[in-house]
Every structure is written in C-alpha cells, then in structure tokens.
Amino acid sequence: MPAEVLVVEDDRAIAEMIGIVLAGQSLRPCVTGSGERAITEFMRSHPRLVLLDLVLPDIDGVAVCKAIRALAPTPIVVVSASRDPEMIAAVMAAGADDYLLKPFTIRQLVKCVDAHLPATSAPTPISLAENPADAAPVRSPQVMTPNRDNVPAPVGTGSLQRSPNT
C-alpha cells in the first residue's frame, strides 16, 4: 500500500500540483485546505509525512504544526512563501523538520519528500522470475537519502532543517 502524505494547502492549484507529483511518486496524497481539518485527518489516517502551508484560512500553520507534533513524530515539512525569519523560527521551534520555500520546482519537492519519508515507505520488492519461489526479490530503483538517525542532513534540498537534538 502506498504511503499517505497529508498535504495542507489552501491554494487549490498548488494543492493539485503537489497531489499530482506525489501520486506520480507512487504516494497517496490526502489534501485539505483547512488547519482544523488537517489535524482531524492526521488523527484519522496517520500519514507518513505532512506537507504544511503556514497561511491557512482558519488557524495558522504554526498551531497546526504544534498540534501534529504533540500527537506523533511524523515528519512535517513546511511549504510556504513566507521569508519572514521570525515566522520560520516559530514553525521550526514548533516541531517542523524542514522548510521548502515557494515557489519550488518539482525536483525540489520530490527531493524533499524523499528525504523525509521513513524508510518503511520503500517500494515493495518485485521478482522477475516466472516462479517467485525460485528467485531472490529485486527492488525497484529508489533514491537513498539520510534519515533522521543519519546525519548529515539530506543533500540538495536547499532547505532549512531542524537539528536532530531539538
């Protein structure tokens, strides 16, 4: 079963684009434009990753980040156009793992998602033999990136990261 990614984005065009990219990466996007619904959906579905906008119509992304972080250690990547250092510091202090600045490229989004999805989200092994019992499984190609336990931080995301000790 594909890993679920909770996308919290009130701009429908951006949410749709992120959903298409995630689905193209064999992930299952769950999209909401509301902070309150995001928290409810998080508790219901237990996604493997959260992509969180800061500016939402009901509650701000910092509050959503704090609420989700209080529930689970699920990676939270903030996806925002805000360049305000105080806002960035607040959301990182609230428990965000990374910050992806809008506008971003599809490549940047994919690298960031790959860097933060837990290893348990890896594709299912496949076999190329006619009789699967006779062959060793072959894994589909995947990008290997450091996880939370492996420092240094992922290479090439071009984003801020929370220290593993915070």
N, C-alpha and C. Protein backbone atom coordinates (compact mmCIF):
# COMPACT_ATOMS: atom_id res chain seq x y z
N MET A 1 0.84 -1.17 0.00
CA MET A 1 0.00 0.00 0.00
C MET A 1 0.89 1.24 0.00
N PRO A 2 0.59 2.22 -0.84
CA PRO A 2 1.43 3.42 -0.91
C PRO A 2 1.34 4.24 0.38
N ALA A 3 2.44 4.90 0.70
CA ALA A 3 2.48 5.75 1.88
C ALA A 3 1.58 6.96 1.66
N GLU A 4 0.86 7.34 2.72
CA GLU A 4 -0.01 8.51 2.64
C GLU A 4 0.75 9.76 3.08
N VAL A 5 0.55 10.83 2.32
CA VAL A 5 1.14 12.13 2.63
C VAL A 5 -0.01 13.12 2.80
N LEU A 6 -0.06 13.75 3.97
CA LEU A 6 -1.08 14.77 4.23
C LEU A 6 -0.58 16.10 3.69
N VAL A 7 -1.33 16.67 2.75
CA VAL A 7 -0.99 17.96 2.14
C VAL A 7 -1.97 18.99 2.68
N VAL A 8 -1.44 19.98 3.41
CA VAL A 8 -2.28 21.03 3.99
C VAL A 8 -1.97 22.32 3.23
N GLU A 9 -2.82 22.63 2.27
CA GLU A 9 -2.59 23.76 1.36
C GLU A 9 -3.91 24.32 0.92
N ASP A 10 -4.14 25.62 1.16
CA ASP A 10 -5.42 26.22 0.80
C ASP A 10 -5.47 26.75 -0.63
N ASP A 11 -4.35 26.85 -1.31
CA ASP A 11 -4.33 27.26 -2.71
C ASP A 11 -4.59 26.00 -3.55
N ARG A 12 -5.76 25.94 -4.18
CA ARG A 12 -6.17 24.72 -4.89
C ARG A 12 -5.22 24.32 -6.00
N ALA A 13 -4.68 25.29 -6.73
CA ALA A 13 -3.77 24.98 -7.83
C ALA A 13 -2.49 24.34 -7.31
N ILE A 14 -1.94 24.90 -6.23
CA ILE A 14 -0.72 24.33 -5.65
C ILE A 14 -1.01 22.96 -5.05
N ALA A 15 -2.14 22.82 -4.34
CA ALA A 15 -2.51 21.53 -3.75
C ALA A 15 -2.66 20.46 -4.83
N GLU A 16 -3.30 20.83 -5.94
CA GLU A 16 -3.49 19.87 -7.03
C GLU A 16 -2.14 19.47 -7.64
N MET A 17 -1.26 20.43 -7.85
CA MET A 17 0.06 20.13 -8.41
C MET A 17 0.85 19.21 -7.48
N ILE A 18 0.84 19.50 -6.19
CA ILE A 18 1.55 18.65 -5.22
C ILE A 18 0.95 17.24 -5.24
N GLY A 19 -0.37 17.15 -5.28
CA GLY A 19 -1.04 15.85 -5.33
C GLY A 19 -0.64 15.05 -6.55
N ILE A 20 -0.56 15.69 -7.70
CA ILE A 20 -0.16 15.01 -8.94
C ILE A 20 1.28 14.51 -8.84
N VAL A 21 2.17 15.35 -8.31
CA VAL A 21 3.57 14.95 -8.15
C VAL A 21 3.68 13.76 -7.20
N LEU A 22 2.98 13.82 -6.06
CA LEU A 22 3.04 12.73 -5.09
C LEU A 22 2.50 11.43 -5.68
N ALA A 23 1.37 11.51 -6.37
CA ALA A 23 0.79 10.32 -6.99
C ALA A 23 1.76 9.75 -8.02
N GLY A 24 2.46 10.61 -8.74
CA GLY A 24 3.46 10.16 -9.70
C GLY A 24 4.65 9.48 -9.05
N GLN A 25 4.83 9.70 -7.76
CA GLN A 25 5.90 9.05 -6.99
C GLN A 25 5.37 7.82 -6.24
N SER A 26 4.21 7.35 -6.63
CA SER A 26 3.56 6.19 -6.00
C SER A 26 3.22 6.43 -4.53
N LEU A 27 2.85 7.66 -4.23
CA LEU A 27 2.39 8.01 -2.89
C LEU A 27 0.91 8.35 -2.96
N ARG A 28 0.24 8.34 -1.81
CA ARG A 28 -1.19 8.62 -1.76
C ARG A 28 -1.41 9.96 -1.06
N PRO A 29 -1.65 11.02 -1.84
CA PRO A 29 -1.87 12.32 -1.22
C PRO A 29 -3.27 12.43 -0.61
N CYS A 30 -3.35 13.07 0.54
CA CYS A 30 -4.62 13.41 1.18
C CYS A 30 -4.56 14.92 1.35
N VAL A 31 -5.40 15.65 0.63
CA VAL A 31 -5.31 17.11 0.58
C VAL A 31 -6.43 17.77 1.35
N THR A 32 -6.07 18.78 2.14
CA THR A 32 -7.04 19.62 2.82
C THR A 32 -6.54 21.05 2.82
N GLY A 33 -7.46 22.00 2.81
CA GLY A 33 -7.10 23.40 2.82
C GLY A 33 -7.35 24.08 4.15
N SER A 34 -7.65 23.30 5.18
CA SER A 34 -8.01 23.83 6.49
C SER A 34 -7.10 23.24 7.56
N GLY A 35 -6.66 24.10 8.49
CA GLY A 35 -5.84 23.62 9.59
C GLY A 35 -6.58 22.68 10.52
N GLU A 36 -7.83 23.02 10.84
CA GLU A 36 -8.64 22.15 11.72
C GLU A 36 -8.86 20.79 11.07
N ARG A 37 -9.22 20.78 9.79
CA ARG A 37 -9.42 19.50 9.09
C ARG A 37 -8.12 18.72 8.99
N ALA A 38 -7.00 19.43 8.88
CA ALA A 38 -5.70 18.75 8.81
C ALA A 38 -5.42 17.96 10.09
N ILE A 39 -5.70 18.57 11.22
CA ILE A 39 -5.47 17.88 12.50
C ILE A 39 -6.39 16.67 12.61
N THR A 40 -7.66 16.84 12.25
CA THR A 40 -8.62 15.72 12.28
C THR A 40 -8.18 14.61 11.33
N GLU A 41 -7.79 14.98 10.13
CA GLU A 41 -7.35 13.99 9.14
C GLU A 41 -6.08 13.29 9.59
N PHE A 42 -5.18 14.02 10.22
CA PHE A 42 -3.95 13.42 10.73
C PHE A 42 -4.28 12.33 11.75
N MET A 43 -5.19 12.63 12.67
CA MET A 43 -5.57 11.64 13.70
C MET A 43 -6.26 10.43 13.08
N ARG A 44 -7.02 10.64 12.00
CA ARG A 44 -7.74 9.56 11.35
C ARG A 44 -6.83 8.66 10.52
N SER A 45 -5.91 9.26 9.76
CA SER A 45 -5.18 8.49 8.76
C SER A 45 -3.73 8.16 9.12
N HIS A 46 -3.14 8.85 10.09
CA HIS A 46 -1.75 8.61 10.48
C HIS A 46 -0.82 8.59 9.27
N PRO A 47 -0.70 9.71 8.54
CA PRO A 47 0.15 9.73 7.35
C PRO A 47 1.62 9.58 7.70
N ARG A 48 2.42 9.24 6.71
CA ARG A 48 3.86 9.07 6.90
C ARG A 48 4.62 10.39 6.81
N LEU A 49 3.97 11.42 6.23
CA LEU A 49 4.61 12.72 6.03
C LEU A 49 3.52 13.79 5.96
N VAL A 50 3.83 14.99 6.44
CA VAL A 50 2.91 16.12 6.35
C VAL A 50 3.62 17.24 5.60
N LEU A 51 2.97 17.76 4.56
CA LEU A 51 3.42 18.96 3.85
C LEU A 51 2.45 20.06 4.26
N LEU A 52 2.95 21.09 4.93
CA LEU A 52 2.11 22.06 5.63
C LEU A 52 2.38 23.49 5.18
N ASP A 53 1.35 24.16 4.67
CA ASP A 53 1.43 25.59 4.38
C ASP A 53 1.27 26.34 5.70
N LEU A 54 1.86 27.52 5.79
CA LEU A 54 1.76 28.31 7.02
C LEU A 54 0.50 29.16 7.09
N VAL A 55 0.09 29.71 5.96
CA VAL A 55 -1.05 30.62 5.93
C VAL A 55 -2.29 29.85 5.50
N LEU A 56 -3.17 29.61 6.47
CA LEU A 56 -4.40 28.85 6.23
C LEU A 56 -5.59 29.71 6.64
N PRO A 57 -6.78 29.43 6.13
CA PRO A 57 -7.93 30.29 6.39
C PRO A 57 -8.47 30.26 7.82
N ASP A 58 -8.24 29.18 8.55
CA ASP A 58 -8.83 29.08 9.89
C ASP A 58 -7.81 29.26 11.02
N ILE A 59 -6.78 28.43 11.05
CA ILE A 59 -5.72 28.57 12.05
C ILE A 59 -4.38 28.55 11.32
N ASP A 60 -3.38 29.16 11.91
CA ASP A 60 -2.11 29.24 11.19
C ASP A 60 -1.34 27.93 11.26
N GLY A 61 -0.39 27.80 10.35
CA GLY A 61 0.39 26.58 10.23
C GLY A 61 1.23 26.27 11.46
N VAL A 62 1.64 27.29 12.20
CA VAL A 62 2.42 27.07 13.42
C VAL A 62 1.57 26.29 14.43
N ALA A 63 0.30 26.67 14.59
CA ALA A 63 -0.60 25.97 15.50
C ALA A 63 -0.85 24.54 15.03
N VAL A 64 -1.01 24.36 13.72
CA VAL A 64 -1.21 23.01 13.17
C VAL A 64 0.03 22.16 13.43
N CYS A 65 1.20 22.73 13.20
CA CYS A 65 2.45 22.02 13.43
C CYS A 65 2.57 21.58 14.89
N LYS A 66 2.27 22.47 15.83
CA LYS A 66 2.33 22.13 17.26
C LYS A 66 1.37 21.00 17.59
N ALA A 67 0.15 21.08 17.05
CA ALA A 67 -0.86 20.05 17.34
C ALA A 67 -0.43 18.68 16.80
N ILE A 68 0.08 18.66 15.59
CA ILE A 68 0.52 17.39 15.00
C ILE A 68 1.73 16.86 15.74
N ARG A 69 2.68 17.73 16.05
CA ARG A 69 3.88 17.29 16.76
C ARG A 69 3.53 16.72 18.13
N ALA A 70 2.49 17.23 18.78
CA ALA A 70 2.07 16.70 20.08
C ALA A 70 1.49 15.30 19.95
N LEU A 71 1.02 14.94 18.76
CA LEU A 71 0.40 13.64 18.53
C LEU A 71 1.40 12.56 18.10
N ALA A 72 2.42 12.95 17.31
CA ALA A 72 3.31 11.94 16.74
C ALA A 72 4.59 12.58 16.21
N PRO A 73 5.63 11.77 16.03
CA PRO A 73 6.89 12.28 15.49
C PRO A 73 6.94 12.28 13.95
N THR A 74 5.80 12.23 13.32
CA THR A 74 5.72 12.23 11.86
C THR A 74 6.47 13.43 11.28
N PRO A 75 7.29 13.22 10.25
CA PRO A 75 7.98 14.37 9.64
C PRO A 75 7.00 15.42 9.12
N ILE A 76 7.31 16.68 9.40
CA ILE A 76 6.50 17.81 8.94
C ILE A 76 7.40 18.72 8.13
N VAL A 77 7.04 18.92 6.87
CA VAL A 77 7.76 19.84 6.00
C VAL A 77 6.85 21.02 5.73
N VAL A 78 7.29 22.20 6.11
CA VAL A 78 6.53 23.41 5.84
C VAL A 78 6.81 23.83 4.40
N VAL A 79 5.73 24.10 3.67
CA VAL A 79 5.82 24.55 2.28
C VAL A 79 5.16 25.92 2.24
N SER A 80 5.97 26.97 2.19
CA SER A 80 5.42 28.31 2.34
C SER A 80 6.22 29.33 1.54
N ALA A 81 5.56 30.43 1.20
CA ALA A 81 6.21 31.55 0.52
C ALA A 81 6.79 32.54 1.53
N SER A 82 6.51 32.36 2.80
CA SER A 82 6.98 33.30 3.82
C SER A 82 8.49 33.23 3.97
N ARG A 83 9.10 34.40 3.87
CA ARG A 83 10.53 34.52 4.08
C ARG A 83 10.83 35.23 5.41
N ASP A 84 9.78 35.43 6.21
CA ASP A 84 9.91 36.12 7.49
C ASP A 84 10.70 35.25 8.46
N PRO A 85 11.90 35.70 8.87
CA PRO A 85 12.73 34.88 9.76
C PRO A 85 12.05 34.52 11.07
N GLU A 86 11.22 35.41 11.60
CA GLU A 86 10.52 35.11 12.86
C GLU A 86 9.49 34.02 12.66
N MET A 87 8.77 34.05 11.54
CA MET A 87 7.78 33.02 11.23
C MET A 87 8.47 31.67 11.03
N ILE A 88 9.57 31.68 10.30
CA ILE A 88 10.32 30.44 10.05
C ILE A 88 10.84 29.88 11.38
N ALA A 89 11.41 30.74 12.21
CA ALA A 89 11.91 30.29 13.51
C ALA A 89 10.78 29.73 14.37
N ALA A 90 9.61 30.35 14.32
CA ALA A 90 8.47 29.89 15.13
C ALA A 90 8.02 28.50 14.71
N VAL A 91 7.92 28.27 13.42
CA VAL A 91 7.44 26.96 12.97
C VAL A 91 8.50 25.87 13.18
N MET A 92 9.77 26.24 13.06
CA MET A 92 10.82 25.25 13.34
C MET A 92 10.82 24.91 14.84
N ALA A 93 10.61 25.91 15.68
CA ALA A 93 10.53 25.67 17.13
C ALA A 93 9.29 24.87 17.49
N ALA A 94 8.24 24.98 16.67
CA ALA A 94 7.00 24.23 16.92
C ALA A 94 7.13 22.76 16.54
N GLY A 95 8.24 22.41 15.87
CA GLY A 95 8.46 21.00 15.57
C GLY A 95 8.59 20.65 14.11
N ALA A 96 8.58 21.63 13.21
CA ALA A 96 8.75 21.31 11.79
C ALA A 96 10.14 20.73 11.56
N ASP A 97 10.23 19.82 10.61
CA ASP A 97 11.50 19.17 10.28
C ASP A 97 12.24 19.86 9.15
N ASP A 98 11.52 20.58 8.32
CA ASP A 98 12.14 21.20 7.15
C ASP A 98 11.25 22.34 6.67
N TYR A 99 11.80 23.17 5.78
CA TYR A 99 11.08 24.32 5.25
C TYR A 99 11.39 24.41 3.77
N LEU A 100 10.38 24.23 2.93
CA LEU A 100 10.53 24.31 1.48
C LEU A 100 9.88 25.61 1.03
N LEU A 101 10.68 26.49 0.48
CA LEU A 101 10.23 27.82 0.10
C LEU A 101 9.52 27.80 -1.25
N LYS A 102 8.33 28.44 -1.30
CA LYS A 102 7.61 28.63 -2.56
C LYS A 102 8.19 29.86 -3.24
N PRO A 103 8.26 29.91 -4.54
CA PRO A 103 7.96 28.81 -5.45
C PRO A 103 9.10 27.79 -5.44
N PHE A 104 8.75 26.54 -5.68
CA PHE A 104 9.72 25.46 -5.70
C PHE A 104 9.55 24.69 -7.01
N THR A 105 10.58 23.96 -7.38
CA THR A 105 10.49 23.13 -8.58
C THR A 105 9.98 21.75 -8.19
N ILE A 106 9.51 21.01 -9.15
CA ILE A 106 9.07 19.64 -8.90
C ILE A 106 10.23 18.82 -8.36
N ARG A 107 11.40 19.03 -8.92
CA ARG A 107 12.60 18.30 -8.45
C ARG A 107 12.86 18.60 -6.97
N GLN A 108 12.75 19.87 -6.56
CA GLN A 108 12.95 20.21 -5.15
C GLN A 108 11.92 19.53 -4.26
N LEU A 109 10.67 19.51 -4.70
CA LEU A 109 9.61 18.86 -3.94
C LEU A 109 9.89 17.37 -3.78
N VAL A 110 10.23 16.71 -4.88
CA VAL A 110 10.50 15.26 -4.83
C VAL A 110 11.69 14.96 -3.92
N LYS A 111 12.76 15.73 -4.03
CA LYS A 111 13.93 15.51 -3.17
C LYS A 111 13.57 15.68 -1.70
N CYS A 112 12.79 16.69 -1.40
CA CYS A 112 12.40 16.95 -0.02
C CYS A 112 11.51 15.82 0.52
N VAL A 113 10.55 15.38 -0.27
CA VAL A 113 9.68 14.27 0.14
C VAL A 113 10.52 13.00 0.34
N ASP A 114 11.40 12.70 -0.61
CA ASP A 114 12.25 11.51 -0.49
C ASP A 114 13.12 11.57 0.77
N ALA A 115 13.61 12.75 1.10
CA ALA A 115 14.48 12.90 2.26
C ALA A 115 13.75 12.68 3.58
N HIS A 116 12.45 12.93 3.59
CA HIS A 116 11.72 12.88 4.86
C HIS A 116 10.78 11.70 5.02
N LEU A 117 10.56 10.94 3.98
CA LEU A 117 9.70 9.76 4.15
C LEU A 117 10.49 8.68 4.87
N PRO A 118 9.92 8.08 5.89
CA PRO A 118 10.61 7.00 6.59
C PRO A 118 10.92 5.84 5.66
N ALA A 119 11.98 5.12 5.96
CA ALA A 119 12.42 4.00 5.12
C ALA A 119 11.33 2.95 4.95
N THR A 120 10.39 2.84 5.87
CA THR A 120 9.33 1.85 5.76
C THR A 120 8.39 2.15 4.60
N SER A 121 8.56 3.31 3.97
CA SER A 121 7.72 3.67 2.83
C SER A 121 8.32 3.19 1.52
N ALA A 122 9.41 2.41 1.60
CA ALA A 122 10.08 1.94 0.39
C ALA A 122 9.16 1.06 -0.44
N PRO A 123 9.39 1.05 -1.75
CA PRO A 123 8.55 0.23 -2.63
C PRO A 123 8.63 -1.25 -2.26
N THR A 124 7.58 -1.97 -2.58
CA THR A 124 7.52 -3.41 -2.34
C THR A 124 8.47 -4.14 -3.27
N PRO A 125 9.23 -5.15 -2.78
CA PRO A 125 10.12 -5.89 -3.65
C PRO A 125 9.35 -6.57 -4.77
N ILE A 126 9.96 -6.64 -5.94
CA ILE A 126 9.34 -7.34 -7.07
C ILE A 126 10.27 -8.45 -7.54
N SER A 127 9.72 -9.46 -8.19
CA SER A 127 10.50 -10.56 -8.71
C SER A 127 10.31 -10.63 -10.21
N LEU A 128 11.40 -10.91 -10.93
CA LEU A 128 11.34 -11.01 -12.38
C LEU A 128 11.28 -12.46 -12.85
N ALA A 129 11.34 -13.44 -11.96
CA ALA A 129 11.31 -14.84 -12.32
C ALA A 129 9.88 -15.32 -12.53
N GLU A 130 9.72 -16.39 -13.34
CA GLU A 130 8.38 -16.95 -13.55
C GLU A 130 7.86 -17.59 -12.27
N ASN A 131 8.75 -18.25 -11.54
CA ASN A 131 8.37 -18.87 -10.28
C ASN A 131 9.01 -18.05 -9.16
N PRO A 132 8.24 -17.20 -8.49
CA PRO A 132 8.80 -16.32 -7.47
C PRO A 132 9.53 -17.05 -6.35
N ALA A 133 9.18 -18.30 -6.07
CA ALA A 133 9.84 -19.04 -5.01
C ALA A 133 11.29 -19.35 -5.37
N ASP A 134 11.63 -19.36 -6.67
CA ASP A 134 12.97 -19.69 -7.12
C ASP A 134 13.90 -18.49 -7.25
N ALA A 135 13.39 -17.30 -7.09
CA ALA A 135 14.21 -16.11 -7.35
C ALA A 135 14.30 -15.21 -6.13
N ALA A 136 15.40 -14.52 -6.04
CA ALA A 136 15.56 -13.52 -5.00
C ALA A 136 14.81 -12.27 -5.43
N PRO A 137 14.22 -11.57 -4.50
CA PRO A 137 13.49 -10.36 -4.88
C PRO A 137 14.43 -9.28 -5.42
N VAL A 138 13.91 -8.50 -6.33
CA VAL A 138 14.64 -7.38 -6.90
C VAL A 138 13.88 -6.13 -6.50
N ARG A 139 14.56 -5.18 -5.93
CA ARG A 139 13.89 -3.94 -5.52
C ARG A 139 13.84 -2.97 -6.69
N SER A 140 12.73 -2.28 -6.78
CA SER A 140 12.63 -1.24 -7.78
C SER A 140 13.60 -0.13 -7.42
N PRO A 141 14.07 0.65 -8.41
CA PRO A 141 15.06 1.71 -8.11
C PRO A 141 14.49 2.72 -7.13
N GLN A 142 15.34 3.18 -6.23
CA GLN A 142 14.93 4.19 -5.29
C GLN A 142 16.12 5.06 -4.92
N VAL A 143 15.84 6.27 -4.52
CA VAL A 143 16.88 7.19 -4.11
C VAL A 143 17.15 6.95 -2.64
N MET A 144 18.39 6.76 -2.30
CA MET A 144 18.75 6.56 -0.91
C MET A 144 19.13 7.91 -0.31
N THR A 145 18.45 8.30 0.74
CA THR A 145 18.73 9.57 1.40
C THR A 145 18.89 9.32 2.88
N PRO A 146 19.65 10.16 3.56
CA PRO A 146 19.79 10.00 5.01
C PRO A 146 18.45 10.18 5.71
N ASN A 147 18.27 9.46 6.81
CA ASN A 147 17.04 9.64 7.58
C ASN A 147 17.37 10.41 8.85
N ARG A 148 16.43 10.49 9.76
CA ARG A 148 16.63 11.28 10.98
C ARG A 148 17.81 10.80 11.81
N ASP A 149 18.12 9.50 11.74
CA ASP A 149 19.20 8.96 12.56
C ASP A 149 20.56 9.11 11.90
N ASN A 150 20.58 9.39 10.60
CA ASN A 150 21.83 9.52 9.87
C ASN A 150 22.10 10.98 9.57
N VAL A 151 23.06 11.53 10.25
CA VAL A 151 23.48 12.91 9.99
C VAL A 151 24.64 12.78 9.01
N PRO A 152 24.86 13.59 8.04
CA PRO A 152 24.35 14.93 7.85
C PRO A 152 22.96 14.95 7.23
N ALA A 153 22.44 16.15 7.15
CA ALA A 153 21.12 16.38 6.58
C ALA A 153 21.12 15.99 5.11
N PRO A 154 19.93 15.72 4.55
CA PRO A 154 19.82 15.38 3.15
C PRO A 154 20.47 16.43 2.26
N VAL A 155 21.12 15.96 1.22
CA VAL A 155 21.84 16.83 0.32
C VAL A 155 20.92 17.34 -0.77
N GLY A 156 21.02 18.60 -1.10
CA GLY A 156 20.35 19.13 -2.28
C GLY A 156 18.92 19.60 -2.08
N THR A 157 18.39 19.55 -0.86
CA THR A 157 17.02 20.03 -0.70
C THR A 157 16.98 21.54 -0.68
N GLY A 158 18.11 22.18 -0.35
CA GLY A 158 18.16 23.63 -0.34
C GLY A 158 17.22 24.24 0.69
N SER A 159 17.01 23.53 1.78
CA SER A 159 16.04 23.99 2.75
C SER A 159 16.61 23.95 4.14
N LEU A 160 15.92 24.58 5.06
CA LEU A 160 16.33 24.58 6.45
C LEU A 160 15.93 23.27 7.09
N GLN A 161 16.71 22.80 8.06
CA GLN A 161 16.34 21.58 8.75
C GLN A 161 16.51 21.75 10.24
N ARG A 162 15.60 21.12 10.96
CA ARG A 162 15.65 21.12 12.42
C ARG A 162 16.77 20.17 12.84
N SER A 163 17.53 20.56 13.82
CA SER A 163 18.58 19.72 14.36
C SER A 163 17.97 18.47 14.98
N PRO A 164 18.63 17.29 14.87
CA PRO A 164 18.07 16.08 15.46
C PRO A 164 17.93 16.16 16.97
N ASN A 165 18.59 17.11 17.61
CA ASN A 165 18.54 17.22 19.06
C ASN A 165 17.49 18.19 19.55
N THR A 166 16.66 18.75 18.64
CA THR A 166 15.65 19.71 19.08
C THR A 166 14.30 19.07 19.16
